[in-house]
Amino acid sequence: MSSGAAKLWGMLLVASLWAWVTAEAGNIRGQVRVTGAPPAAQPTPENAGAETAEPAKTNLTGFRDFIVFIDGVTNTNSPPRFRPVTILVRRNARQEAIFSPRVLPLLIGTTVEWRNEDSVYHKFFSLSATATFEFPLCKPGDSSPPWTFDRPGRVDVFCSLYANLNSIVLVMENPWFTGTDFRNNYFIRNVPAGNYRLKVWHERLPAQTREITVPAEGEVKIDFLLNLANLPAN
């Protein structure tokens, strides 16, 4: 067989294998909605005799940054390659210092650096059990040392100079996760066929888990409804 023919057969083999792999994967699609109102505060000796105040209205559209993911380790094909990630520190429209993104899901083994695009110094640190670090002062225009997240879990990152500056990194055990869009829709593509636990997470709400089956092709639609009434009373 000539080298040209061998190369052609190799390309056809790779193409057929890729078609087989992708044919055994489906998509997960859905929406996250929030309903209800938080429970009323329990009476205390100080307010026991007072009239019950009208419950405060909750802005349900204000709930953002939901993360939807397949929970746990999965026996699937090799995860895709991932690149180092940069989290920016900048000023928003109200001239407040913020992390961007403020909530970041990433695959275990991902390396992150924090870049200071603010006009003042910052000092980033975490005391979380998943990742504990404290970086030197970071001047405007510079970046922190890179940090590789090698354990799954939640990591809260702060600035020791600005108490209101904080972010959350969620380190995932598999690559099948996503955030929601501005309408709280989500889409996870090319998930290997199988049975999984699909979970939705929000920093202010109890998590919710659903048992799902991903088809070998096509998609499965899973919506989540989170009820504020399930929050603990103050």
C-alpha atoms as a PDB file:
ATOM      1  CA  MET A   1       0.000   0.000   0.000  1.00  0.00           C
ATOM      2  CA  SER A   2       1.351   3.403  -0.947  1.00  0.00           C
ATOM      3  CA  SER A   3       1.982   6.056   1.683  1.00  0.00           C
ATOM      4  CA  GLY A   4      -0.805   8.176   0.197  1.00  0.00           C
ATOM      5  CA  ALA A   5      -3.302   5.326   0.437  1.00  0.00           C
ATOM      6  CA  ALA A   6      -2.202   4.521   3.983  1.00  0.00           C
ATOM      7  CA  LYS A   7      -2.666   8.133   4.961  1.00  0.00           C
ATOM      8  CA  LEU A   8      -6.154   8.166   3.419  1.00  0.00           C
ATOM      9  CA  TRP A   9      -7.147   4.988   5.236  1.00  0.00           C
ATOM     10  CA  GLY A  10      -5.821   6.473   8.463  1.00  0.00           C
ATOM     11  CA  MET A  11      -7.922   9.574   7.987  1.00  0.00           C
ATOM     12  CA  LEU A  12     -11.004   7.482   7.246  1.00  0.00           C
ATOM     13  CA  LEU A  13     -10.366   5.367  10.356  1.00  0.00           C
ATOM     14  CA  VAL A  14     -10.068   8.452  12.566  1.00  0.00           C
ATOM     15  CA  ALA A  15     -13.222   9.899  11.021  1.00  0.00           C
ATOM     16  CA  SER A  16     -15.159   6.676  11.592  1.00  0.00           C
ATOM     17  CA  LEU A  17     -13.966   6.409  15.196  1.00  0.00           C
ATOM     18  CA  TRP A  18     -14.939  10.048  15.827  1.00  0.00           C
ATOM     19  CA  ALA A  19     -18.361   9.411  14.284  1.00  0.00           C
ATOM     20  CA  TRP A  20     -18.788   6.383  16.562  1.00  0.00           C
ATOM     21  CA  VAL A  21     -17.808   8.346  19.670  1.00  0.00           C
ATOM     22  CA  THR A  22     -20.052  11.305  18.877  1.00  0.00           C
ATOM     23  CA  ALA A  23     -22.922   8.966  17.960  1.00  0.00           C
ATOM     24  CA  GLU A  24     -22.799   7.595  21.512  1.00  0.00           C
ATOM     25  CA  ALA A  25     -23.258  10.989  23.129  1.00  0.00           C
ATOM     26  CA  GLY A  26     -26.305  13.131  23.775  1.00  0.00           C
ATOM     27  CA  ASN A  27     -27.073  16.613  25.039  1.00  0.00           C
ATOM     28  CA  ILE A  28     -28.727  17.888  28.204  1.00  0.00           C
ATOM     29  CA  ARG A  29     -30.871  20.981  28.006  1.00  0.00           C
ATOM     30  CA  GLY A  30     -33.170  22.782  30.422  1.00  0.00           C
ATOM     31  CA  GLN A  31     -33.995  25.792  32.540  1.00  0.00           C
ATOM     32  CA  VAL A  32     -33.624  26.720  36.198  1.00  0.00           C
ATOM     33  CA  ARG A  33     -36.517  28.600  37.791  1.00  0.00           C
ATOM     34  CA  VAL A  34     -37.034  30.023  41.273  1.00  0.00           C
ATOM     35  CA  THR A  35     -40.427  30.313  42.919  1.00  0.00           C
ATOM     36  CA  GLY A  36     -42.020  31.114  46.263  1.00  0.00           C
ATOM     37  CA  ALA A  37     -40.946  33.389  49.074  1.00  0.00           C
ATOM     38  CA  PRO A  38     -38.492  32.826  51.930  1.00  0.00           C
ATOM     39  CA  PRO A  39     -40.066  31.771  55.238  1.00  0.00           C
ATOM     40  CA  ALA A  40     -40.930  34.507  57.705  1.00  0.00           C
ATOM     41  CA  ALA A  41     -38.534  35.211  60.533  1.00  0.00           C
ATOM     42  CA  GLN A  42     -39.310  33.382  63.741  1.00  0.00           C
ATOM     43  CA  PRO A  43     -40.647  35.543  66.614  1.00  0.00           C
ATOM     44  CA  THR A  44     -38.172  36.519  69.315  1.00  0.00           C
ATOM     45  CA  PRO A  45     -38.757  37.900  72.820  1.00  0.00           C
ATOM     46  CA  GLU A  46     -38.053  41.363  71.444  1.00  0.00           C
ATOM     47  CA  ASN A  47     -40.718  41.222  68.717  1.00  0.00           C
ATOM     48  CA  ALA A  48     -43.182  38.706  70.156  1.00  0.00           C
ATOM     49  CA  GLY A  49     -45.785  41.366  70.839  1.00  0.00           C
ATOM     50  CA  ALA A  50     -45.330  43.270  67.618  1.00  0.00           C
ATOM     51  CA  GLU A  51     -47.620  42.999  64.627  1.00  0.00           C
ATOM     52  CA  THR A  52     -46.443  40.692  61.866  1.00  0.00           C
ATOM     53  CA  ALA A  53     -44.799  42.743  59.178  1.00  0.00           C
ATOM     54  CA  GLU A  54     -45.650  42.185  55.540  1.00  0.00           C
ATOM     55  CA  PRO A  55     -43.123  39.742  54.029  1.00  0.00           C
ATOM     56  CA  ALA A  56     -40.489  41.441  51.928  1.00  0.00           C
ATOM     57  CA  LYS A  57     -40.881  40.868  48.221  1.00  0.00           C
ATOM     58  CA  THR A  58     -38.155  38.810  46.647  1.00  0.00           C
ATOM     59  CA  ASN A  59     -36.766  39.647  43.232  1.00  0.00           C
ATOM     60  CA  LEU A  60     -36.826  36.201  41.631  1.00  0.00           C
ATOM     61  CA  THR A  61     -35.219  37.515  38.461  1.00  0.00           C
ATOM     62  CA  GLY A  62     -32.198  38.532  40.539  1.00  0.00           C
ATOM     63  CA  PHE A  63     -31.056  34.942  40.981  1.00  0.00           C
ATOM     64  CA  ARG A  64     -28.219  34.296  38.543  1.00  0.00           C
ATOM     65  CA  ASP A  65     -25.014  32.269  38.391  1.00  0.00           C
ATOM     66  CA  PHE A  66     -26.616  28.836  38.567  1.00  0.00           C
ATOM     67  CA  ILE A  67     -24.220  25.979  37.824  1.00  0.00           C
ATOM     68  CA  VAL A  68     -25.624  22.732  36.399  1.00  0.00           C
ATOM     69  CA  PHE A  69     -23.358  19.690  36.375  1.00  0.00           C
ATOM     70  CA  ILE A  70     -23.136  15.916  36.444  1.00  0.00           C
ATOM     71  CA  ASP A  71     -22.279  14.991  40.000  1.00  0.00           C
ATOM     72  CA  GLY A  72     -19.306  12.821  40.883  1.00  0.00           C
ATOM     73  CA  VAL A  73     -16.676  10.916  38.949  1.00  0.00           C
ATOM     74  CA  THR A  74     -17.863   9.508  35.627  1.00  0.00           C
ATOM     75  CA  ASN A  75     -16.565   6.466  33.743  1.00  0.00           C
ATOM     76  CA  THR A  76     -16.672   8.190  30.387  1.00  0.00           C
ATOM     77  CA  ASN A  77     -14.341   8.933  27.536  1.00  0.00           C
ATOM     78  CA  SER A  78     -11.309  11.131  28.187  1.00  0.00           C
ATOM     79  CA  PRO A  79     -12.183  14.712  29.128  1.00  0.00           C
ATOM     80  CA  PRO A  80     -11.397  17.449  26.634  1.00  0.00           C
ATOM     81  CA  ARG A  81      -8.232  19.494  26.963  1.00  0.00           C
ATOM     82  CA  PHE A  82      -8.539  22.558  29.084  1.00  0.00           C
ATOM     83  CA  ARG A  83      -6.569  25.777  29.061  1.00  0.00           C
ATOM     84  CA  PRO A  84      -5.366  27.999  31.909  1.00  0.00           C
ATOM     85  CA  VAL A  85      -8.081  30.374  33.077  1.00  0.00           C
ATOM     86  CA  THR A  86      -7.770  34.047  34.011  1.00  0.00           C
ATOM     87  CA  ILE A  87     -10.076  35.728  36.529  1.00  0.00           C
ATOM     88  CA  LEU A  88     -10.095  39.508  36.200  1.00  0.00           C
ATOM     89  CA  VAL A  89     -10.469  42.125  38.905  1.00  0.00           C
ATOM     90  CA  ARG A  90     -12.070  45.245  37.465  1.00  0.00           C
ATOM     91  CA  ARG A  91     -14.566  48.010  38.222  1.00  0.00           C
ATOM     92  CA  ASN A  92     -18.256  47.650  37.354  1.00  0.00           C
ATOM     93  CA  ALA A  93     -20.637  50.415  36.263  1.00  0.00           C
ATOM     94  CA  ARG A  94     -21.014  51.504  39.902  1.00  0.00           C
ATOM     95  CA  GLN A  95     -17.231  51.721  40.230  1.00  0.00           C
ATOM     96  CA  GLU A  96     -17.139  48.762  42.605  1.00  0.00           C
ATOM     97  CA  ALA A  97     -14.256  46.294  42.452  1.00  0.00           C
ATOM     98  CA  ILE A  98     -15.494  42.870  41.293  1.00  0.00           C
ATOM     99  CA  PHE A  99     -14.142  39.511  40.193  1.00  0.00           C
ATOM    100  CA  SER A 100     -15.058  38.603  36.612  1.00  0.00           C
ATOM    101  CA  PRO A 101     -16.370  35.984  36.490  1.00  0.00           C
ATOM    102  CA  ARG A 102     -17.491  35.998  40.115  1.00  0.00           C
ATOM    103  CA  VAL A 103     -18.648  32.355  40.036  1.00  0.00           C
ATOM    104  CA  LEU A 104     -16.418  30.030  38.009  1.00  0.00           C
ATOM    105  CA  PRO A 105     -16.868  26.263  37.508  1.00  0.00           C
ATOM    106  CA  LEU A 106     -13.774  24.474  36.224  1.00  0.00           C
ATOM    107  CA  LEU A 107     -12.384  20.994  35.743  1.00  0.00           C
ATOM    108  CA  ILE A 108     -10.041  19.570  38.350  1.00  0.00           C
ATOM    109  CA  GLY A 109      -6.458  20.118  37.216  1.00  0.00           C
ATOM    110  CA  THR A 110      -7.178  23.559  35.743  1.00  0.00           C
ATOM    111  CA  THR A 111      -4.663  26.331  36.405  1.00  0.00           C
ATOM    112  CA  VAL A 112      -5.959  29.815  37.272  1.00  0.00           C
ATOM    113  CA  GLU A 113      -4.392  33.220  37.680  1.00  0.00           C
ATOM    114  CA  TRP A 114      -6.007  36.412  38.945  1.00  0.00           C
ATOM    115  CA  ARG A 115      -5.247  39.508  36.858  1.00  0.00           C
ATOM    116  CA  ASN A 116      -5.571  42.943  38.456  1.00  0.00           C
ATOM    117  CA  GLU A 117      -7.189  45.306  35.958  1.00  0.00           C
ATOM    118  CA  ASP A 118      -8.167  47.695  38.742  1.00  0.00           C
ATOM    119  CA  SER A 119      -6.350  50.955  39.510  1.00  0.00           C
ATOM    120  CA  VAL A 120      -5.377  49.901  43.058  1.00  0.00           C
ATOM    121  CA  TYR A 121      -3.449  47.055  44.691  1.00  0.00           C
ATOM    122  CA  HIS A 122      -5.151  43.773  45.643  1.00  0.00           C
ATOM    123  CA  LYS A 123      -4.095  40.767  47.711  1.00  0.00           C
ATOM    124  CA  PHE A 124      -5.900  37.509  46.901  1.00  0.00           C
ATOM    125  CA  PHE A 125      -6.292  34.609  49.326  1.00  0.00           C
ATOM    126  CA  SER A 126      -8.379  31.538  50.152  1.00  0.00           C
ATOM    127  CA  LEU A 127      -8.850  29.690  53.428  1.00  0.00           C
ATOM    128  CA  SER A 128     -11.012  26.954  51.892  1.00  0.00           C
ATOM    129  CA  ALA A 129     -10.166  23.324  52.659  1.00  0.00           C
ATOM    130  CA  THR A 130     -10.188  22.547  48.927  1.00  0.00           C
ATOM    131  CA  ALA A 131      -7.454  25.118  48.233  1.00  0.00           C
ATOM    132  CA  THR A 132      -5.621  27.329  50.711  1.00  0.00           C
ATOM    133  CA  PHE A 133      -3.343  30.090  49.417  1.00  0.00           C
ATOM    134  CA  GLU A 134      -2.273  33.688  49.964  1.00  0.00           C
ATOM    135  CA  PHE A 135      -0.599  35.588  47.139  1.00  0.00           C
ATOM    136  CA  PRO A 136       1.689  38.629  47.385  1.00  0.00           C
ATOM    137  CA  LEU A 137       0.358  42.098  46.723  1.00  0.00           C
ATOM    138  CA  CYS A 138      -0.759  42.408  43.115  1.00  0.00           C
ATOM    139  CA  LYS A 139      -0.297  45.847  41.600  1.00  0.00           C
ATOM    140  CA  PRO A 140      -2.456  47.230  38.772  1.00  0.00           C
ATOM    141  CA  GLY A 141      -1.751  45.466  35.493  1.00  0.00           C
ATOM    142  CA  ASP A 142      -0.078  42.444  37.091  1.00  0.00           C
ATOM    143  CA  SER A 143      -1.285  38.898  37.738  1.00  0.00           C
ATOM    144  CA  SER A 144      -1.087  36.573  40.711  1.00  0.00           C
ATOM    145  CA  PRO A 145       1.086  33.452  40.616  1.00  0.00           C
ATOM    146  CA  PRO A 146      -0.722  30.599  38.823  1.00  0.00           C
ATOM    147  CA  TRP A 147      -2.622  28.136  40.989  1.00  0.00           C
ATOM    148  CA  THR A 148      -3.625  24.622  39.897  1.00  0.00           C
ATOM    149  CA  PHE A 149      -6.780  23.249  41.535  1.00  0.00           C
ATOM    150  CA  ASP A 150      -6.104  19.578  42.256  1.00  0.00           C
ATOM    151  CA  ARG A 151      -8.999  18.790  44.603  1.00  0.00           C
ATOM    152  CA  PRO A 152     -12.740  18.934  43.877  1.00  0.00           C
ATOM    153  CA  GLY A 153     -14.986  21.236  45.888  1.00  0.00           C
ATOM    154  CA  ARG A 154     -15.826  24.859  46.562  1.00  0.00           C
ATOM    155  CA  VAL A 155     -13.164  27.527  46.944  1.00  0.00           C
ATOM    156  CA  ASP A 156     -14.023  31.007  48.235  1.00  0.00           C
ATOM    157  CA  VAL A 157     -11.507  33.635  47.124  1.00  0.00           C
ATOM    158  CA  PHE A 158     -11.202  37.044  48.783  1.00  0.00           C
ATOM    159  CA  CYS A 159      -9.068  40.175  48.800  1.00  0.00           C
ATOM    160  CA  SER A 160      -7.524  41.028  52.166  1.00  0.00           C
ATOM    161  CA  LEU A 161      -7.663  44.751  51.324  1.00  0.00           C
ATOM    162  CA  TYR A 162     -11.338  44.949  50.255  1.00  0.00           C
ATOM    163  CA  ALA A 163     -13.804  42.982  52.374  1.00  0.00           C
ATOM    164  CA  ASN A 164     -16.615  43.050  49.797  1.00  0.00           C
ATOM    165  CA  LEU A 165     -14.483  41.589  47.002  1.00  0.00           C
ATOM    166  CA  ASN A 166     -15.091  37.846  46.763  1.00  0.00           C
ATOM    167  CA  SER A 167     -15.586  35.052  44.253  1.00  0.00           C
ATOM    168  CA  ILE A 168     -16.356  31.335  44.186  1.00  0.00           C
ATOM    169  CA  VAL A 169     -14.496  28.653  42.248  1.00  0.00           C
ATOM    170  CA  LEU A 170     -16.255  25.285  41.897  1.00  0.00           C
ATOM    171  CA  VAL A 171     -13.769  22.538  41.079  1.00  0.00           C
ATOM    172  CA  MET A 172     -15.544  19.724  39.210  1.00  0.00           C
ATOM    173  CA  GLU A 173     -14.652  16.046  38.966  1.00  0.00           C
ATOM    174  CA  ASN A 174     -15.735  15.728  35.320  1.00  0.00           C
ATOM    175  CA  PRO A 175     -16.082  18.084  32.325  1.00  0.00           C
ATOM    176  CA  TRP A 176     -19.878  17.897  32.038  1.00  0.00           C
ATOM    177  CA  PHE A 177     -20.962  21.213  33.581  1.00  0.00           C
ATOM    178  CA  THR A 178     -22.148  24.648  32.535  1.00  0.00           C
ATOM    179  CA  GLY A 179     -23.542  27.930  33.816  1.00  0.00           C
ATOM    180  CA  THR A 180     -26.951  29.349  32.956  1.00  0.00           C
ATOM    181  CA  ASP A 181     -27.537  32.212  30.537  1.00  0.00           C
ATOM    182  CA  PHE A 182     -29.396  35.479  31.256  1.00  0.00           C
ATOM    183  CA  ARG A 183     -32.717  33.597  31.067  1.00  0.00           C
ATOM    184  CA  ASN A 184     -31.407  30.797  33.298  1.00  0.00           C
ATOM    185  CA  ASN A 185     -31.305  28.293  30.427  1.00  0.00           C
ATOM    186  CA  TYR A 186     -28.462  25.787  30.274  1.00  0.00           C
ATOM    187  CA  PHE A 187     -27.036  23.368  27.701  1.00  0.00           C
ATOM    188  CA  ILE A 188     -24.463  20.583  28.189  1.00  0.00           C
ATOM    189  CA  ARG A 189     -23.385  18.997  24.926  1.00  0.00           C
ATOM    190  CA  ASN A 190     -21.817  15.671  23.916  1.00  0.00           C
ATOM    191  CA  VAL A 191     -22.351  13.826  27.208  1.00  0.00           C
ATOM    192  CA  PRO A 192     -21.556  10.102  26.826  1.00  0.00           C
ATOM    193  CA  ALA A 193     -24.717   8.001  26.975  1.00  0.00           C
ATOM    194  CA  GLY A 194     -25.527   6.646  30.429  1.00  0.00           C
ATOM    195  CA  ASN A 195     -27.223   7.192  33.770  1.00  0.00           C
ATOM    196  CA  TYR A 196     -26.143  10.152  35.863  1.00  0.00           C
ATOM    197  CA  ARG A 197     -27.061  12.455  38.733  1.00  0.00           C
ATOM    198  CA  LEU A 198     -27.614  15.975  37.401  1.00  0.00           C
ATOM    199  CA  LYS A 199     -27.247  18.711  39.991  1.00  0.00           C
ATOM    200  CA  VAL A 200     -28.002  22.427  40.093  1.00  0.00           C
ATOM    201  CA  TRP A 201     -26.061  24.685  42.466  1.00  0.00           C
ATOM    202  CA  HIS A 202     -26.504  28.271  43.640  1.00  0.00           C
ATOM    203  CA  GLU A 203     -24.618  29.941  46.442  1.00  0.00           C
ATOM    204  CA  ARG A 204     -27.816  31.183  48.161  1.00  0.00           C
ATOM    205  CA  LEU A 205     -30.167  28.239  47.562  1.00  0.00           C
ATOM    206  CA  PRO A 206     -30.236  24.551  48.507  1.00  0.00           C
ATOM    207  CA  ALA A 207     -28.898  22.327  45.745  1.00  0.00           C
ATOM    208  CA  GLN A 208     -31.204  19.981  43.846  1.00  0.00           C
ATOM    209  CA  THR A 209     -30.321  16.665  42.188  1.00  0.00           C
ATOM    210  CA  ARG A 210     -32.159  14.686  39.502  1.00  0.00           C
ATOM    211  CA  GLU A 211     -31.548  11.161  38.226  1.00  0.00           C
ATOM    212  CA  ILE A 212     -31.250  11.288  34.434  1.00  0.00           C
ATOM    213  CA  THR A 213     -30.524   9.050  31.462  1.00  0.00           C
ATOM    214  CA  VAL A 214     -28.579  10.576  28.589  1.00  0.00           C
ATOM    215  CA  PRO A 215     -29.448   8.968  25.240  1.00  0.00           C
ATOM    216  CA  ALA A 216     -26.897   7.731  22.717  1.00  0.00           C
ATOM    217  CA  GLU A 217     -28.083  10.502  20.397  1.00  0.00           C
ATOM    218  CA  GLY A 218     -30.444  13.432  20.649  1.00  0.00           C
ATOM    219  CA  GLU A 219     -31.049  15.177  23.952  1.00  0.00           C
ATOM    220  CA  VAL A 220     -32.843  15.000  27.266  1.00  0.00           C
ATOM    221  CA  LYS A 221     -34.638  18.035  28.735  1.00  0.00           C
ATOM    222  CA  ILE A 222     -34.431  18.552  32.480  1.00  0.00           C
ATOM    223  CA  ASP A 223     -35.885  21.636  34.189  1.00  0.00           C
ATOM    224  CA  PHE A 224     -35.213  22.566  37.804  1.00  0.00           C
ATOM    225  CA  LEU A 225     -37.621  24.429  40.089  1.00  0.00           C
ATOM    226  CA  LEU A 226     -36.089  25.786  43.295  1.00  0.00           C
ATOM    227  CA  ASN A 227     -38.464  26.933  46.020  1.00  0.00           C
ATOM    228  CA  LEU A 228     -37.411  29.738  48.321  1.00  0.00           C
ATOM    229  CA  ALA A 229     -39.749  28.338  50.970  1.00  0.00           C
ATOM    230  CA  ASN A 230     -37.154  25.604  51.522  1.00  0.00           C
ATOM    231  CA  LEU A 231     -34.670  28.116  52.867  1.00  0.00           C
ATOM    232  CA  PRO A 232     -34.155  28.036  56.645  1.00  0.00           C
ATOM    233  CA  ALA A 233     -35.971  30.792  58.510  1.00  0.00           C
ATOM    234  CA  ASN A 234     -33.867  33.545  60.076  1.00  0.00           C
END
